[in-house]
């Protein structure tokens, strides 16, 4: 297995893992305070977009941290 394939699998697994974590944590957030009709399709799309955006930020941070920590071996 080549390193690019391994990296792709890691990215997919990390993104899916954090997607589940972010979705689970956003279930406790009260969006009905901020939107007029919380049961409308637009409000549901907003929740999905916020989930995707937060997932991207969290997984990017984690993957950058992982890549940086793996590159520390080249320091010495």
PDB file of N, CA and C in Angstrom:
ATOM      1  N   UNK A   1       0.851  -1.181   0.000  1.00  0.00           N
ATOM      2  CA  UNK A   1       0.000   0.000   0.000  1.00  0.00           C
ATOM      3  C   UNK A   1       0.890   1.236   0.000  1.00  0.00           C
ATOM      4  N   UNK A   2       0.611   2.143  -0.908  1.00  0.00           N
ATOM      5  CA  UNK A   2       1.450   3.346  -0.993  1.00  0.00           C
ATOM      6  C   UNK A   2       1.046   4.380   0.060  1.00  0.00           C
ATOM      7  N   UNK A   3       1.962   5.282   0.386  1.00  0.00           N
ATOM      8  CA  UNK A   3       1.684   6.265   1.453  1.00  0.00           C
ATOM      9  C   UNK A   3       0.520   7.193   1.127  1.00  0.00           C
ATOM     10  N   UNK A   4       0.309   7.500  -0.159  1.00  0.00           N
ATOM     11  CA  UNK A   4      -0.806   8.384  -0.514  1.00  0.00           C
ATOM     12  C   UNK A   4      -2.146   7.713  -0.218  1.00  0.00           C
ATOM     13  N   UNK A   5      -2.220   6.405  -0.471  1.00  0.00           N
ATOM     14  CA  UNK A   5      -3.441   5.665  -0.168  1.00  0.00           C
ATOM     15  C   UNK A   5      -3.708   5.605   1.323  1.00  0.00           C
ATOM     16  N   UNK A   6      -2.639   5.405   2.095  1.00  0.00           N
ATOM     17  CA  UNK A   6      -2.791   5.379   3.551  1.00  0.00           C
ATOM     18  C   UNK A   6      -3.251   6.746   4.069  1.00  0.00           C
ATOM     19  N   UNK A   7      -2.682   7.785   3.507  1.00  0.00           N
ATOM     20  CA  UNK A   7      -3.061   9.132   3.930  1.00  0.00           C
ATOM     21  C   UNK A   7      -4.519   9.427   3.567  1.00  0.00           C
ATOM     22  N   UNK A   8      -4.958   8.951   2.418  1.00  0.00           N
ATOM     23  CA  UNK A   8      -6.350   9.159   2.010  1.00  0.00           C
ATOM     24  C   UNK A   8      -7.311   8.432   2.949  1.00  0.00           C
ATOM     25  N   UNK A   9      -6.969   7.208   3.321  1.00  0.00           N
ATOM     26  CA  UNK A   9      -7.812   6.458   4.260  1.00  0.00           C
ATOM     27  C   UNK A   9      -7.875   7.166   5.612  1.00  0.00           C
ATOM     28  N   UNK A  10      -6.745   7.667   6.082  1.00  0.00           N
ATOM     29  CA  UNK A  10      -6.709   8.379   7.362  1.00  0.00           C
ATOM     30  C   UNK A  10      -7.579   9.628   7.283  1.00  0.00           C
ATOM     31  N   UNK A  11      -7.498  10.374   6.180  1.00  0.00           N
ATOM     32  CA  UNK A  11      -8.312  11.583   6.024  1.00  0.00           C
ATOM     33  C   UNK A  11      -9.799  11.250   6.051  1.00  0.00           C
ATOM     34  N   UNK A  12     -10.189  10.210   5.346  1.00  0.00           N
ATOM     35  CA  UNK A  12     -11.602   9.836   5.305  1.00  0.00           C
ATOM     36  C   UNK A  12     -12.096   9.420   6.683  1.00  0.00           C
ATOM     37  N   UNK A  13     -11.318   8.597   7.374  1.00  0.00           N
ATOM     38  CA  UNK A  13     -11.729   8.121   8.699  1.00  0.00           C
ATOM     39  C   UNK A  13     -11.799   9.276   9.695  1.00  0.00           C
ATOM     40  N   UNK A  14     -10.809  10.161   9.668  1.00  0.00           N
ATOM     41  CA  UNK A  14     -10.805  11.298  10.596  1.00  0.00           C
ATOM     42  C   UNK A  14     -11.976  12.228  10.304  1.00  0.00           C
ATOM     43  N   UNK A  15     -12.232  12.497   9.028  1.00  0.00           N
ATOM     44  CA  UNK A  15     -13.358  13.368   8.681  1.00  0.00           C
ATOM     45  C   UNK A  15     -14.686  12.768   9.121  1.00  0.00           C
ATOM     46  N   UNK A  16     -14.884  11.489   8.894  1.00  0.00           N
ATOM     47  CA  UNK A  16     -16.132  10.856   9.314  1.00  0.00           C
ATOM     48  C   UNK A  16     -16.259  10.809  10.831  1.00  0.00           C
ATOM     49  N   UNK A  17     -15.139  10.548  11.517  1.00  0.00           N
ATOM     50  CA  UNK A  17     -15.161  10.520  12.978  1.00  0.00           C
ATOM     51  C   UNK A  17     -15.569  11.883  13.540  1.00  0.00           C
ATOM     52  N   UNK A  18     -14.947  12.938  13.033  1.00  0.00           N
ATOM     53  CA  UNK A  18     -15.278  14.262  13.551  1.00  0.00           C
ATOM     54  C   UNK A  18     -16.644  14.737  13.078  1.00  0.00           C
ATOM     55  N   UNK A  19     -17.117  14.243  11.942  1.00  0.00           N
ATOM     56  CA  UNK A  19     -18.473  14.566  11.515  1.00  0.00           C
ATOM     57  C   UNK A  19     -19.492  14.039  12.517  1.00  0.00           C
ATOM     58  N   UNK A  20     -19.283  12.820  12.977  1.00  0.00           N
ATOM     59  CA  UNK A  20     -20.186  12.235  13.969  1.00  0.00           C
ATOM     60  C   UNK A  20     -20.099  12.998  15.288  1.00  0.00           C
ATOM     61  N   UNK A  21     -18.892  13.345  15.709  1.00  0.00           N
ATOM     62  CA  UNK A  21     -18.706  14.073  16.974  1.00  0.00           C
ATOM     63  C   UNK A  21     -19.352  15.459  16.908  1.00  0.00           C
ATOM     64  N   UNK A  22     -19.135  16.169  15.805  1.00  0.00           N
ATOM     65  CA  UNK A  22     -19.697  17.516  15.676  1.00  0.00           C
ATOM     66  C   UNK A  22     -21.218  17.451  15.591  1.00  0.00           C
ATOM     67  N   UNK A  23     -21.747  16.505  14.814  1.00  0.00           N
ATOM     68  CA  UNK A  23     -23.203  16.374  14.712  1.00  0.00           C
ATOM     69  C   UNK A  23     -23.819  16.063  16.080  1.00  0.00           C
ATOM     70  N   UNK A  24     -23.177  15.165  16.808  1.00  0.00           N
ATOM     71  CA  UNK A  24     -23.660  14.793  18.142  1.00  0.00           C
ATOM     72  C   UNK A  24     -23.626  16.004  19.082  1.00  0.00           C
ATOM     73  N   UNK A  25     -22.544  16.775  19.027  1.00  0.00           N
ATOM     74  CA  UNK A  25     -22.431  17.915  19.941  1.00  0.00           C
ATOM     75  C   UNK A  25     -23.374  19.050  19.550  1.00  0.00           C
ATOM     76  N   UNK A  26     -23.675  19.207  18.269  1.00  0.00           N
ATOM     77  CA  UNK A  26     -24.594  20.268  17.865  1.00  0.00           C
ATOM     78  C   UNK A  26     -26.054  19.950  18.190  1.00  0.00           C
ATOM     79  N   UNK A  27     -26.337  18.732  18.520  1.00  0.00           N
ATOM     80  CA  UNK A  27     -27.707  18.381  18.892  1.00  0.00           C
ATOM     81  C   UNK A  27     -28.123  19.054  20.200  1.00  0.00           C
ATOM     82  N   UNK A  28     -27.175  19.446  21.011  1.00  0.00           N
ATOM     83  CA  UNK A  28     -27.504  20.128  22.264  1.00  0.00           C
ATOM     84  C   UNK A  28     -27.615  21.647  22.088  1.00  0.00           C
ATOM     85  N   UNK A  29     -27.234  22.136  20.906  1.00  0.00           N
ATOM     86  CA  UNK A  29     -27.301  23.578  20.642  1.00  0.00           C
ATOM     87  C   UNK A  29     -28.710  23.962  20.208  1.00  0.00           C
ATOM     88  N   UNK A  30     -29.231  25.071  20.729  1.00  0.00           N
ATOM     89  CA  UNK A  30     -30.595  25.500  20.429  1.00  0.00           C
ATOM     90  C   UNK A  30     -30.592  26.467  19.240  1.00  0.00           C
ATOM     91  N   UNK A  31     -30.789  25.912  18.046  1.00  0.00           N
ATOM     92  CA  UNK A  31     -30.876  26.741  16.850  1.00  0.00           C
ATOM     93  C   UNK A  31     -32.197  27.494  16.770  1.00  0.00           C
ATOM     94  N   UNK A  32     -33.203  27.026  17.493  1.00  0.00           N
ATOM     95  CA  UNK A  32     -34.518  27.671  17.427  1.00  0.00           C
ATOM     96  C   UNK A  32     -34.492  29.095  17.969  1.00  0.00           C
ATOM     97  N   UNK A  33     -33.471  29.429  18.749  1.00  0.00           N
ATOM     98  CA  UNK A  33     -33.338  30.785  19.261  1.00  0.00           C
ATOM     99  C   UNK A  33     -32.894  31.732  18.151  1.00  0.00           C
ATOM    100  N   UNK A  34     -32.173  31.220  17.169  1.00  0.00           N
ATOM    101  CA  UNK A  34     -31.568  32.056  16.143  1.00  0.00           C
ATOM    102  C   UNK A  34     -32.307  32.055  14.807  1.00  0.00           C
ATOM    103  N   UNK A  35     -33.201  31.123  14.580  1.00  0.00           N
ATOM    104  CA  UNK A  35     -33.933  31.073  13.317  1.00  0.00           C
ATOM    105  C   UNK A  35     -35.427  31.261  13.580  1.00  0.00           C
ATOM    106  N   UNK A  36     -36.117  31.782  12.569  1.00  0.00           N
ATOM    107  CA  UNK A  36     -37.552  32.044  12.730  1.00  0.00           C
ATOM    108  C   UNK A  36     -38.358  30.763  12.812  1.00  0.00           C
ATOM    109  N   UNK A  37     -38.129  29.876  11.863  1.00  0.00           N
ATOM    110  CA  UNK A  37     -38.890  28.629  11.808  1.00  0.00           C
ATOM    111  C   UNK A  37     -37.907  27.462  11.871  1.00  0.00           C
ATOM    112  N   UNK A  38     -37.684  26.907  13.051  1.00  0.00           N
ATOM    113  CA  UNK A  38     -36.663  25.862  13.187  1.00  0.00           C
ATOM    114  C   UNK A  38     -36.991  24.558  12.475  1.00  0.00           C
ATOM    115  N   UNK A  39     -38.237  24.353  12.073  1.00  0.00           N
ATOM    116  CA  UNK A  39     -38.605  23.122  11.385  1.00  0.00           C
ATOM    117  C   UNK A  39     -38.600  23.263   9.869  1.00  0.00           C
ATOM    118  N   UNK A  40     -38.216  24.429   9.378  1.00  0.00           N
ATOM    119  CA  UNK A  40     -38.218  24.652   7.931  1.00  0.00           C
ATOM    120  C   UNK A  40     -37.010  23.962   7.279  1.00  0.00           C
ATOM    121  N   UNK A  41     -37.094  23.700   5.987  1.00  0.00           N
ATOM    122  CA  UNK A  41     -35.958  23.085   5.281  1.00  0.00           C
ATOM    123  C   UNK A  41     -34.715  23.970   5.291  1.00  0.00           C
ATOM    124  N   UNK A  42     -34.914  25.290   5.267  1.00  0.00           N
ATOM    125  CA  UNK A  42     -33.749  26.185   5.300  1.00  0.00           C
ATOM    126  C   UNK A  42     -33.006  26.077   6.622  1.00  0.00           C
ATOM    127  N   UNK A  43     -33.713  25.923   7.714  1.00  0.00           N
ATOM    128  CA  UNK A  43     -33.067  25.765   9.018  1.00  0.00           C
ATOM    129  C   UNK A  43     -32.313  24.443   9.095  1.00  0.00           C
ATOM    130  N   UNK A  44     -32.871  23.407   8.515  1.00  0.00           N
ATOM    131  CA  UNK A  44     -32.192  22.102   8.518  1.00  0.00           C
ATOM    132  C   UNK A  44     -30.929  22.143   7.660  1.00  0.00           C
ATOM    133  N   UNK A  45     -31.005  22.855   6.530  1.00  0.00           N
ATOM    134  CA  UNK A  45     -29.815  23.014   5.689  1.00  0.00           C
ATOM    135  C   UNK A  45     -28.749  23.815   6.431  1.00  0.00           C
ATOM    136  N   UNK A  46     -29.182  24.830   7.182  1.00  0.00           N
ATOM    137  CA  UNK A  46     -28.238  25.613   7.982  1.00  0.00           C
ATOM    138  C   UNK A  46     -27.512  24.740   8.994  1.00  0.00           C
ATOM    139  N   UNK A  47     -28.232  23.863   9.661  1.00  0.00           N
ATOM    140  CA  UNK A  47     -27.613  22.952  10.636  1.00  0.00           C
ATOM    141  C   UNK A  47     -26.612  22.042   9.935  1.00  0.00           C
ATOM    142  N   UNK A  48     -26.970  21.542   8.763  1.00  0.00           N
ATOM    143  CA  UNK A  48     -26.059  20.664   8.023  1.00  0.00           C
ATOM    144  C   UNK A  48     -24.806  21.426   7.595  1.00  0.00           C
ATOM    145  N   UNK A  49     -24.973  22.653   7.109  1.00  0.00           N
ATOM    146  CA  UNK A  49     -23.820  23.446   6.683  1.00  0.00           C
ATOM    147  C   UNK A  49     -22.914  23.825   7.854  1.00  0.00           C
ATOM    148  N   UNK A  50     -23.512  24.152   8.987  1.00  0.00           N
ATOM    149  CA  UNK A  50     -22.710  24.457  10.182  1.00  0.00           C
ATOM    150  C   UNK A  50     -21.946  23.212  10.624  1.00  0.00           C
ATOM    151  N   UNK A  51     -22.588  22.064  10.548  1.00  0.00           N
ATOM    152  CA  UNK A  51     -21.924  20.811  10.914  1.00  0.00           C
ATOM    153  C   UNK A  51     -20.747  20.526   9.987  1.00  0.00           C
ATOM    154  N   UNK A  52     -20.943  20.708   8.702  1.00  0.00           N
ATOM    155  CA  UNK A  52     -19.862  20.463   7.744  1.00  0.00           C
ATOM    156  C   UNK A  52     -18.717  21.447   7.950  1.00  0.00           C
ATOM    157  N   UNK A  53     -19.044  22.723   8.183  1.00  0.00           N
ATOM    158  CA  UNK A  53     -18.008  23.733   8.387  1.00  0.00           C
ATOM    159  C   UNK A  53     -17.186  23.445   9.647  1.00  0.00           C
ATOM    160  N   UNK A  54     -17.869  23.122  10.743  1.00  0.00           N
ATOM    161  CA  UNK A  54     -17.142  22.810  11.980  1.00  0.00           C
ATOM    162  C   UNK A  54     -16.327  21.528  11.838  1.00  0.00           C
ATOM    163  N   UNK A  55     -16.872  20.563  11.128  1.00  0.00           N
ATOM    164  CA  UNK A  55     -16.134  19.322  10.898  1.00  0.00           C
ATOM    165  C   UNK A  55     -14.866  19.592  10.115  1.00  0.00           C
ATOM    166  N   UNK A  56     -14.964  20.433   9.095  1.00  0.00           N
ATOM    167  CA  UNK A  56     -13.786  20.778   8.303  1.00  0.00           C
ATOM    168  C   UNK A  56     -12.729  21.458   9.167  1.00  0.00           C
ATOM    169  N   UNK A  57     -13.144  22.401  10.000  1.00  0.00           N
ATOM    170  CA  UNK A  57     -12.184  23.112  10.848  1.00  0.00           C
ATOM    171  C   UNK A  57     -11.511  22.179  11.856  1.00  0.00           C
ATOM    172  N   UNK A  58     -12.296  21.360  12.510  1.00  0.00           N
ATOM    173  CA  UNK A  58     -11.748  20.476  13.540  1.00  0.00           C
ATOM    174  C   UNK A  58     -10.856  19.404  12.922  1.00  0.00           C
ATOM    175  N   UNK A  59     -11.301  18.799  11.833  1.00  0.00           N
ATOM    176  CA  UNK A  59     -10.491  17.740  11.224  1.00  0.00           C
ATOM    177  C   UNK A  59      -9.237  18.310  10.578  1.00  0.00           C
ATOM    178  N   UNK A  60      -9.318  19.523  10.007  1.00  0.00           N
ATOM    179  CA  UNK A  60      -8.113  20.150   9.445  1.00  0.00           C
ATOM    180  C   UNK A  60      -7.090  20.427  10.533  1.00  0.00           C
ATOM    181  N   UNK A  61      -7.571  20.922  11.668  1.00  0.00           N
ATOM    182  CA  UNK A  61      -6.649  21.160  12.781  1.00  0.00           C
ATOM    183  C   UNK A  61      -6.000  19.853  13.224  1.00  0.00           C
ATOM    184  N   UNK A  62      -6.803  18.811  13.393  1.00  0.00           N
ATOM    185  CA  UNK A  62      -6.268  17.534  13.853  1.00  0.00           C
ATOM    186  C   UNK A  62      -5.275  16.949  12.847  1.00  0.00           C
ATOM    187  N   UNK A  63      -5.601  16.992  11.563  1.00  0.00           N
ATOM    188  CA  UNK A  63      -4.711  16.427  10.550  1.00  0.00           C
ATOM    189  C   UNK A  63      -3.430  17.241  10.406  1.00  0.00           C
ATOM    190  N   UNK A  64      -3.519  18.575  10.527  1.00  0.00           N
ATOM    191  CA  UNK A  64      -2.303  19.401  10.506  1.00  0.00           C
ATOM    192  C   UNK A  64      -1.430  19.119  11.721  1.00  0.00           C
ATOM    193  N   UNK A  65      -2.058  18.948  12.858  1.00  0.00           N
ATOM    194  CA  UNK A  65      -1.313  18.614  14.079  1.00  0.00           C
ATOM    195  C   UNK A  65      -0.629  17.253  13.938  1.00  0.00           C
ATOM    196  N   UNK A  66      -1.356  16.298  13.381  1.00  0.00           N
ATOM    197  CA  UNK A  66      -0.787  14.966  13.163  1.00  0.00           C
ATOM    198  C   UNK A  66       0.383  15.023  12.194  1.00  0.00           C
ATOM    199  N   UNK A  67       0.211  15.752  11.102  1.00  0.00           N
ATOM    200  CA  UNK A  67       1.285  15.863  10.112  1.00  0.00           C
ATOM    201  C   UNK A  67       2.511  16.555  10.715  1.00  0.00           C
ATOM    202  N   UNK A  68       2.280  17.608  11.493  1.00  0.00           N
ATOM    203  CA  UNK A  68       3.385  18.304  12.144  1.00  0.00           C
ATOM    204  C   UNK A  68       4.111  17.432  13.145  1.00  0.00           C
ATOM    205  N   UNK A  69       3.362  16.652  13.904  1.00  0.00           N
ATOM    206  CA  UNK A  69       4.011  15.792  14.898  1.00  0.00           C
ATOM    207  C   UNK A  69       4.769  14.653  14.227  1.00  0.00           C
ATOM    208  N   UNK A  70       4.295  14.186  13.085  1.00  0.00           N
ATOM    209  CA  UNK A  70       5.028  13.144  12.363  1.00  0.00           C
ATOM    210  C   UNK A  70       6.289  13.689  11.709  1.00  0.00           C
ATOM    211  N   UNK A  71       6.305  14.969  11.388  1.00  0.00           N
ATOM    212  CA  UNK A  71       7.482  15.564  10.762  1.00  0.00           C
ATOM    213  C   UNK A  71       8.554  15.935  11.792  1.00  0.00           C
ATOM    214  N   UNK A  72       8.229  15.853  13.079  1.00  0.00           N
ATOM    215  CA  UNK A  72       9.221  16.160  14.107  1.00  0.00           C
ATOM    216  C   UNK A  72      10.400  15.180  14.084  1.00  0.00           C
ATOM    217  N   UNK A  73      10.195  14.001  13.544  1.00  0.00           N
ATOM    218  CA  UNK A  73      11.294  13.033  13.498  1.00  0.00           C
ATOM    219  C   UNK A  73      12.417  13.515  12.578  1.00  0.00           C
ATOM    220  N   UNK A  74      12.133  14.417  11.664  1.00  0.00           N
ATOM    221  CA  UNK A  74      13.168  14.948  10.763  1.00  0.00           C
ATOM    222  C   UNK A  74      13.955  16.076  11.410  1.00  0.00           C
ATOM    223  N   UNK A  75      13.568  16.463  12.596  1.00  0.00           N
ATOM    224  CA  UNK A  75      14.257  17.554  13.291  1.00  0.00           C
ATOM    225  C   UNK A  75      15.632  17.114  13.785  1.00  0.00           C
ATOM    226  N   UNK A  76      15.761  15.876  14.188  1.00  0.00           N
ATOM    227  CA  UNK A  76      17.027  15.409  14.756  1.00  0.00           C
ATOM    228  C   UNK A  76      17.717  14.449  13.825  1.00  0.00           C
TER     229      UNK A  76
END
